[in-house]
Amino acid sequence: MTITEELSRGVTVLTMKGRFLGEPETSAFQEQKFRLLEANRINIVLDLSDMTLINSAGLGSLIAALVSTRDRGGDLRLARLSKVVEQVIQKVQLDSTFKIFRSVEEAVSSFGQR
């Protein structure tokens, strides 16, 4: 899995590509999350349009990131879910846990709507 990072109107956008199936992907994601939180970048959007596969380890990392950002007063939002990711998230009923958006722009804009 590759993760690219950009800043959009004060919100960190991480674009995740590939498979999110455990090690080494979960460690890489967690390290990036910790680095962002330490820099007080607590509002994060994950662009998952190019994620080809996700399993319980990947979902666990997403949930841990959600909890960590909310504990710091921020939030983690999902955008542009690939069909595979969307099906998995719906199957385990996490679509009511995460705020999910059709586009990265909508997700970034949602942080201004408190």
N, C-alpha and C. Protein backbone atom coordinates (compact mmCIF):
# COMPACT_ATOMS: atom_id res chain seq x y z
N MET A 1 0.84 -1.17 0.00
CA MET A 1 0.00 0.00 0.00
C MET A 1 0.89 1.24 0.00
N THR A 2 0.45 2.25 -0.74
CA THR A 2 1.13 3.53 -0.71
C THR A 2 0.19 4.58 -0.14
N ILE A 3 0.77 5.53 0.57
CA ILE A 3 -0.01 6.61 1.16
C ILE A 3 0.63 7.92 0.75
N THR A 4 -0.15 8.79 0.11
CA THR A 4 0.33 10.12 -0.20
C THR A 4 -0.44 11.11 0.65
N GLU A 5 0.21 12.21 0.96
CA GLU A 5 -0.34 13.18 1.90
C GLU A 5 -0.36 14.56 1.28
N GLU A 6 -1.45 15.29 1.49
CA GLU A 6 -1.51 16.69 1.09
C GLU A 6 -2.36 17.44 2.09
N LEU A 7 -2.21 18.74 2.12
CA LEU A 7 -2.96 19.59 3.02
C LEU A 7 -3.95 20.39 2.18
N SER A 8 -5.23 20.37 2.58
CA SER A 8 -6.27 21.11 1.87
C SER A 8 -7.09 21.89 2.88
N ARG A 9 -6.92 23.21 2.87
CA ARG A 9 -7.64 24.10 3.79
C ARG A 9 -7.53 23.67 5.25
N GLY A 10 -6.33 23.29 5.64
CA GLY A 10 -6.08 22.90 7.03
C GLY A 10 -6.43 21.47 7.37
N VAL A 11 -6.91 20.72 6.40
CA VAL A 11 -7.29 19.32 6.60
C VAL A 11 -6.26 18.45 5.88
N THR A 12 -5.78 17.42 6.56
CA THR A 12 -4.84 16.49 5.95
C THR A 12 -5.61 15.46 5.14
N VAL A 13 -5.24 15.31 3.88
CA VAL A 13 -5.85 14.31 3.00
C VAL A 13 -4.80 13.23 2.73
N LEU A 14 -5.13 12.01 3.12
CA LEU A 14 -4.27 10.86 2.84
C LEU A 14 -4.92 10.03 1.75
N THR A 15 -4.22 9.85 0.65
CA THR A 15 -4.71 9.00 -0.43
C THR A 15 -4.03 7.65 -0.29
N MET A 16 -4.85 6.62 -0.11
CA MET A 16 -4.33 5.28 0.15
C MET A 16 -4.60 4.40 -1.05
N LYS A 17 -3.55 3.77 -1.55
CA LYS A 17 -3.66 2.94 -2.76
C LYS A 17 -3.14 1.54 -2.46
N GLY A 18 -3.87 0.54 -2.93
CA GLY A 18 -3.41 -0.83 -2.80
C GLY A 18 -4.21 -1.63 -1.80
N ARG A 19 -3.52 -2.53 -1.13
CA ARG A 19 -4.15 -3.46 -0.20
C ARG A 19 -3.83 -3.09 1.24
N PHE A 20 -4.84 -3.20 2.11
CA PHE A 20 -4.69 -2.86 3.52
C PHE A 20 -5.04 -4.11 4.31
N LEU A 21 -4.03 -5.00 4.47
CA LEU A 21 -4.31 -6.35 4.97
C LEU A 21 -3.50 -6.76 6.20
N GLY A 22 -2.93 -5.85 6.91
CA GLY A 22 -2.09 -6.24 8.04
C GLY A 22 -0.69 -5.69 7.85
N GLU A 23 0.29 -6.38 8.37
CA GLU A 23 1.68 -5.91 8.27
C GLU A 23 2.19 -6.07 6.84
N PRO A 24 2.98 -5.14 6.36
CA PRO A 24 3.50 -3.94 7.01
C PRO A 24 2.57 -2.72 6.87
N GLU A 25 1.43 -2.88 6.19
CA GLU A 25 0.55 -1.75 5.92
C GLU A 25 0.02 -1.09 7.19
N THR A 26 -0.41 -1.91 8.16
CA THR A 26 -0.99 -1.32 9.36
C THR A 26 0.04 -0.51 10.14
N SER A 27 1.25 -0.99 10.23
CA SER A 27 2.31 -0.24 10.93
C SER A 27 2.61 1.07 10.22
N ALA A 28 2.69 1.04 8.90
CA ALA A 28 2.97 2.26 8.14
C ALA A 28 1.86 3.29 8.35
N PHE A 29 0.62 2.83 8.32
CA PHE A 29 -0.51 3.73 8.53
C PHE A 29 -0.49 4.30 9.94
N GLN A 30 -0.26 3.45 10.93
CA GLN A 30 -0.24 3.90 12.32
C GLN A 30 0.89 4.91 12.56
N GLU A 31 2.05 4.68 11.98
CA GLU A 31 3.17 5.61 12.13
C GLU A 31 2.82 6.98 11.53
N GLN A 32 2.19 6.97 10.37
CA GLN A 32 1.80 8.23 9.75
C GLN A 32 0.75 8.94 10.60
N LYS A 33 -0.21 8.18 11.14
CA LYS A 33 -1.25 8.75 11.99
C LYS A 33 -0.61 9.39 13.23
N PHE A 34 0.30 8.70 13.90
CA PHE A 34 0.95 9.25 15.09
C PHE A 34 1.72 10.52 14.76
N ARG A 35 2.41 10.52 13.63
CA ARG A 35 3.17 11.70 13.22
C ARG A 35 2.24 12.89 13.02
N LEU A 36 1.11 12.66 12.37
CA LEU A 36 0.14 13.74 12.15
C LEU A 36 -0.42 14.27 13.46
N LEU A 37 -0.81 13.37 14.35
CA LEU A 37 -1.38 13.78 15.62
C LEU A 37 -0.37 14.55 16.46
N GLU A 38 0.88 14.12 16.44
CA GLU A 38 1.93 14.83 17.18
C GLU A 38 2.13 16.24 16.64
N ALA A 39 1.86 16.44 15.35
CA ALA A 39 1.97 17.76 14.73
C ALA A 39 0.65 18.53 14.85
N ASN A 40 -0.28 18.00 15.64
CA ASN A 40 -1.60 18.59 15.87
C ASN A 40 -2.42 18.72 14.59
N ARG A 41 -2.20 17.82 13.67
CA ARG A 41 -3.01 17.74 12.45
C ARG A 41 -4.07 16.67 12.71
N ILE A 42 -5.17 17.12 13.32
CA ILE A 42 -6.16 16.20 13.88
C ILE A 42 -7.41 16.03 13.02
N ASN A 43 -7.50 16.77 11.93
CA ASN A 43 -8.62 16.60 10.99
C ASN A 43 -8.06 15.93 9.73
N ILE A 44 -8.54 14.71 9.49
CA ILE A 44 -7.96 13.88 8.44
C ILE A 44 -9.07 13.31 7.56
N VAL A 45 -8.82 13.33 6.26
CA VAL A 45 -9.69 12.67 5.27
C VAL A 45 -8.88 11.57 4.61
N LEU A 46 -9.46 10.39 4.54
CA LEU A 46 -8.82 9.28 3.83
C LEU A 46 -9.53 9.10 2.49
N ASP A 47 -8.79 9.25 1.41
CA ASP A 47 -9.29 8.99 0.05
C ASP A 47 -9.01 7.51 -0.24
N LEU A 48 -10.07 6.73 -0.30
CA LEU A 48 -9.92 5.27 -0.46
C LEU A 48 -10.36 4.78 -1.84
N SER A 49 -10.33 5.67 -2.82
CA SER A 49 -10.80 5.30 -4.17
C SER A 49 -9.92 4.27 -4.84
N ASP A 50 -8.65 4.20 -4.48
CA ASP A 50 -7.73 3.24 -5.11
C ASP A 50 -7.32 2.12 -4.17
N MET A 51 -8.11 1.90 -3.12
CA MET A 51 -7.83 0.78 -2.22
C MET A 51 -8.49 -0.47 -2.83
N THR A 52 -7.69 -1.48 -3.08
CA THR A 52 -8.19 -2.65 -3.79
C THR A 52 -8.69 -3.76 -2.88
N LEU A 53 -8.25 -3.74 -1.61
CA LEU A 53 -8.65 -4.81 -0.69
C LEU A 53 -8.42 -4.34 0.74
N ILE A 54 -9.33 -4.72 1.63
CA ILE A 54 -9.17 -4.40 3.04
C ILE A 54 -9.72 -5.56 3.85
N ASN A 55 -9.07 -5.86 4.98
CA ASN A 55 -9.56 -6.95 5.85
C ASN A 55 -9.74 -6.40 7.26
N SER A 56 -9.93 -7.30 8.21
CA SER A 56 -10.19 -6.88 9.59
C SER A 56 -9.02 -6.10 10.19
N ALA A 57 -7.80 -6.44 9.82
CA ALA A 57 -6.65 -5.70 10.33
C ALA A 57 -6.67 -4.26 9.82
N GLY A 58 -6.98 -4.10 8.55
CA GLY A 58 -7.09 -2.75 7.98
C GLY A 58 -8.23 -1.97 8.62
N LEU A 59 -9.37 -2.63 8.79
CA LEU A 59 -10.51 -1.96 9.44
C LEU A 59 -10.17 -1.56 10.87
N GLY A 60 -9.46 -2.44 11.58
CA GLY A 60 -9.05 -2.13 12.94
C GLY A 60 -8.16 -0.90 12.99
N SER A 61 -7.28 -0.76 12.02
CA SER A 61 -6.41 0.43 11.96
C SER A 61 -7.22 1.70 11.70
N LEU A 62 -8.23 1.59 10.84
CA LEU A 62 -9.08 2.75 10.58
C LEU A 62 -9.85 3.15 11.83
N ILE A 63 -10.37 2.17 12.54
CA ILE A 63 -11.12 2.45 13.77
C ILE A 63 -10.20 3.08 14.82
N ALA A 64 -9.00 2.53 14.97
CA ALA A 64 -8.04 3.09 15.92
C ALA A 64 -7.70 4.53 15.56
N ALA A 65 -7.55 4.82 14.28
CA ALA A 65 -7.26 6.19 13.84
C ALA A 65 -8.44 7.12 14.13
N LEU A 66 -9.64 6.63 13.94
CA LEU A 66 -10.84 7.41 14.24
C LEU A 66 -10.88 7.78 15.72
N VAL A 67 -10.65 6.81 16.57
CA VAL A 67 -10.67 7.03 18.02
C VAL A 67 -9.56 8.02 18.42
N SER A 68 -8.37 7.83 17.87
CA SER A 68 -7.24 8.71 18.21
C SER A 68 -7.51 10.15 17.81
N THR A 69 -8.04 10.37 16.62
CA THR A 69 -8.31 11.75 16.18
C THR A 69 -9.42 12.37 17.02
N ARG A 70 -10.45 11.62 17.32
CA ARG A 70 -11.54 12.17 18.13
C ARG A 70 -11.09 12.44 19.55
N ASP A 71 -10.21 11.60 20.09
CA ASP A 71 -9.66 11.84 21.43
C ASP A 71 -8.90 13.16 21.51
N ARG A 72 -8.34 13.59 20.37
CA ARG A 72 -7.57 14.84 20.32
C ARG A 72 -8.44 16.04 19.92
N GLY A 73 -9.75 15.81 19.74
CA GLY A 73 -10.65 16.89 19.36
C GLY A 73 -10.84 17.07 17.87
N GLY A 74 -10.33 16.13 17.08
CA GLY A 74 -10.47 16.19 15.63
C GLY A 74 -11.41 15.11 15.14
N ASP A 75 -11.25 14.74 13.88
CA ASP A 75 -12.07 13.67 13.31
C ASP A 75 -11.36 13.09 12.10
N LEU A 76 -11.78 11.90 11.75
CA LEU A 76 -11.28 11.20 10.57
C LEU A 76 -12.49 10.88 9.70
N ARG A 77 -12.42 11.27 8.44
CA ARG A 77 -13.55 11.05 7.53
C ARG A 77 -13.07 10.27 6.32
N LEU A 78 -13.96 9.49 5.75
CA LEU A 78 -13.64 8.66 4.59
C LEU A 78 -14.26 9.27 3.34
N ALA A 79 -13.54 9.19 2.24
CA ALA A 79 -14.03 9.75 0.98
C ALA A 79 -13.73 8.79 -0.17
N ARG A 80 -14.59 8.84 -1.17
CA ARG A 80 -14.42 8.11 -2.43
C ARG A 80 -14.07 6.64 -2.21
N LEU A 81 -14.89 5.96 -1.44
CA LEU A 81 -14.64 4.55 -1.16
C LEU A 81 -14.69 3.72 -2.44
N SER A 82 -13.68 2.87 -2.62
CA SER A 82 -13.74 1.93 -3.74
C SER A 82 -14.90 0.97 -3.47
N LYS A 83 -15.37 0.31 -4.48
CA LYS A 83 -16.51 -0.60 -4.34
C LYS A 83 -16.20 -1.69 -3.32
N VAL A 84 -15.00 -2.23 -3.36
CA VAL A 84 -14.61 -3.29 -2.42
C VAL A 84 -14.66 -2.79 -0.98
N VAL A 85 -14.08 -1.62 -0.73
CA VAL A 85 -14.07 -1.07 0.62
C VAL A 85 -15.48 -0.73 1.07
N GLU A 86 -16.27 -0.15 0.19
CA GLU A 86 -17.65 0.19 0.53
C GLU A 86 -18.44 -1.05 0.94
N GLN A 87 -18.28 -2.13 0.21
CA GLN A 87 -18.99 -3.37 0.53
C GLN A 87 -18.57 -3.92 1.89
N VAL A 88 -17.29 -3.90 2.18
CA VAL A 88 -16.80 -4.42 3.47
C VAL A 88 -17.32 -3.55 4.61
N ILE A 89 -17.23 -2.24 4.45
CA ILE A 89 -17.67 -1.33 5.52
C ILE A 89 -19.17 -1.48 5.78
N GLN A 90 -19.95 -1.65 4.72
CA GLN A 90 -21.39 -1.86 4.90
C GLN A 90 -21.67 -3.21 5.55
N LYS A 91 -20.94 -4.22 5.14
CA LYS A 91 -21.16 -5.57 5.66
C LYS A 91 -20.95 -5.64 7.17
N VAL A 92 -19.95 -4.94 7.68
CA VAL A 92 -19.68 -4.95 9.11
C VAL A 92 -20.31 -3.75 9.82
N GLN A 93 -21.15 -3.03 9.11
CA GLN A 93 -21.96 -1.93 9.63
C GLN A 93 -21.14 -0.79 10.22
N LEU A 94 -20.00 -0.51 9.62
CA LEU A 94 -19.19 0.63 10.04
C LEU A 94 -19.59 1.91 9.32
N ASP A 95 -20.54 1.80 8.40
CA ASP A 95 -21.00 2.99 7.69
C ASP A 95 -21.76 3.93 8.62
N SER A 96 -22.19 3.44 9.79
CA SER A 96 -22.82 4.33 10.77
C SER A 96 -21.78 4.89 11.76
N THR A 97 -20.58 4.36 11.74
CA THR A 97 -19.51 4.81 12.63
C THR A 97 -18.69 5.92 11.98
N PHE A 98 -18.36 5.75 10.72
CA PHE A 98 -17.56 6.72 9.98
C PHE A 98 -18.45 7.71 9.24
N LYS A 99 -17.96 8.93 9.09
CA LYS A 99 -18.60 9.90 8.21
C LYS A 99 -18.00 9.66 6.83
N ILE A 100 -18.86 9.33 5.86
CA ILE A 100 -18.42 8.93 4.53
C ILE A 100 -18.94 9.92 3.50
N PHE A 101 -18.05 10.31 2.57
CA PHE A 101 -18.39 11.31 1.57
C PHE A 101 -18.06 10.80 0.17
N ARG A 102 -18.79 11.31 -0.81
CA ARG A 102 -18.57 10.90 -2.20
C ARG A 102 -17.29 11.48 -2.79
N SER A 103 -16.91 12.66 -2.29
CA SER A 103 -15.70 13.30 -2.83
C SER A 103 -14.82 13.79 -1.69
N VAL A 104 -13.55 13.97 -2.01
CA VAL A 104 -12.61 14.51 -1.04
C VAL A 104 -13.01 15.94 -0.70
N GLU A 105 -13.41 16.70 -1.69
CA GLU A 105 -13.82 18.10 -1.47
C GLU A 105 -14.98 18.19 -0.48
N GLU A 106 -15.99 17.34 -0.63
CA GLU A 106 -17.10 17.34 0.32
C GLU A 106 -16.61 17.02 1.74
N ALA A 107 -15.72 16.05 1.84
CA ALA A 107 -15.21 15.65 3.15
C ALA A 107 -14.41 16.79 3.79
N VAL A 108 -13.56 17.43 3.01
CA VAL A 108 -12.77 18.56 3.53
C VAL A 108 -13.70 19.69 3.94
N SER A 109 -14.67 20.02 3.12
CA SER A 109 -15.61 21.10 3.43
C SER A 109 -16.42 20.82 4.68
N SER A 110 -16.69 19.54 4.96
CA SER A 110 -17.52 19.19 6.10
C SER A 110 -16.88 19.59 7.43
N PHE A 111 -15.57 19.76 7.46
CA PHE A 111 -14.92 20.18 8.69
C PHE A 111 -15.27 21.62 9.06
N GLY A 112 -15.68 22.42 8.09
CA GLY A 112 -16.08 23.79 8.38
C GLY A 112 -17.51 23.89 8.87
N GLN A 113 -18.25 22.79 8.81
CA GLN A 113 -19.66 22.77 9.18
C GLN A 113 -19.83 22.12 10.54
N ARG A 114 -19.55 22.84 11.57
CA ARG A 114 -19.63 22.28 12.93
C ARG A 114 -21.01 22.47 13.50
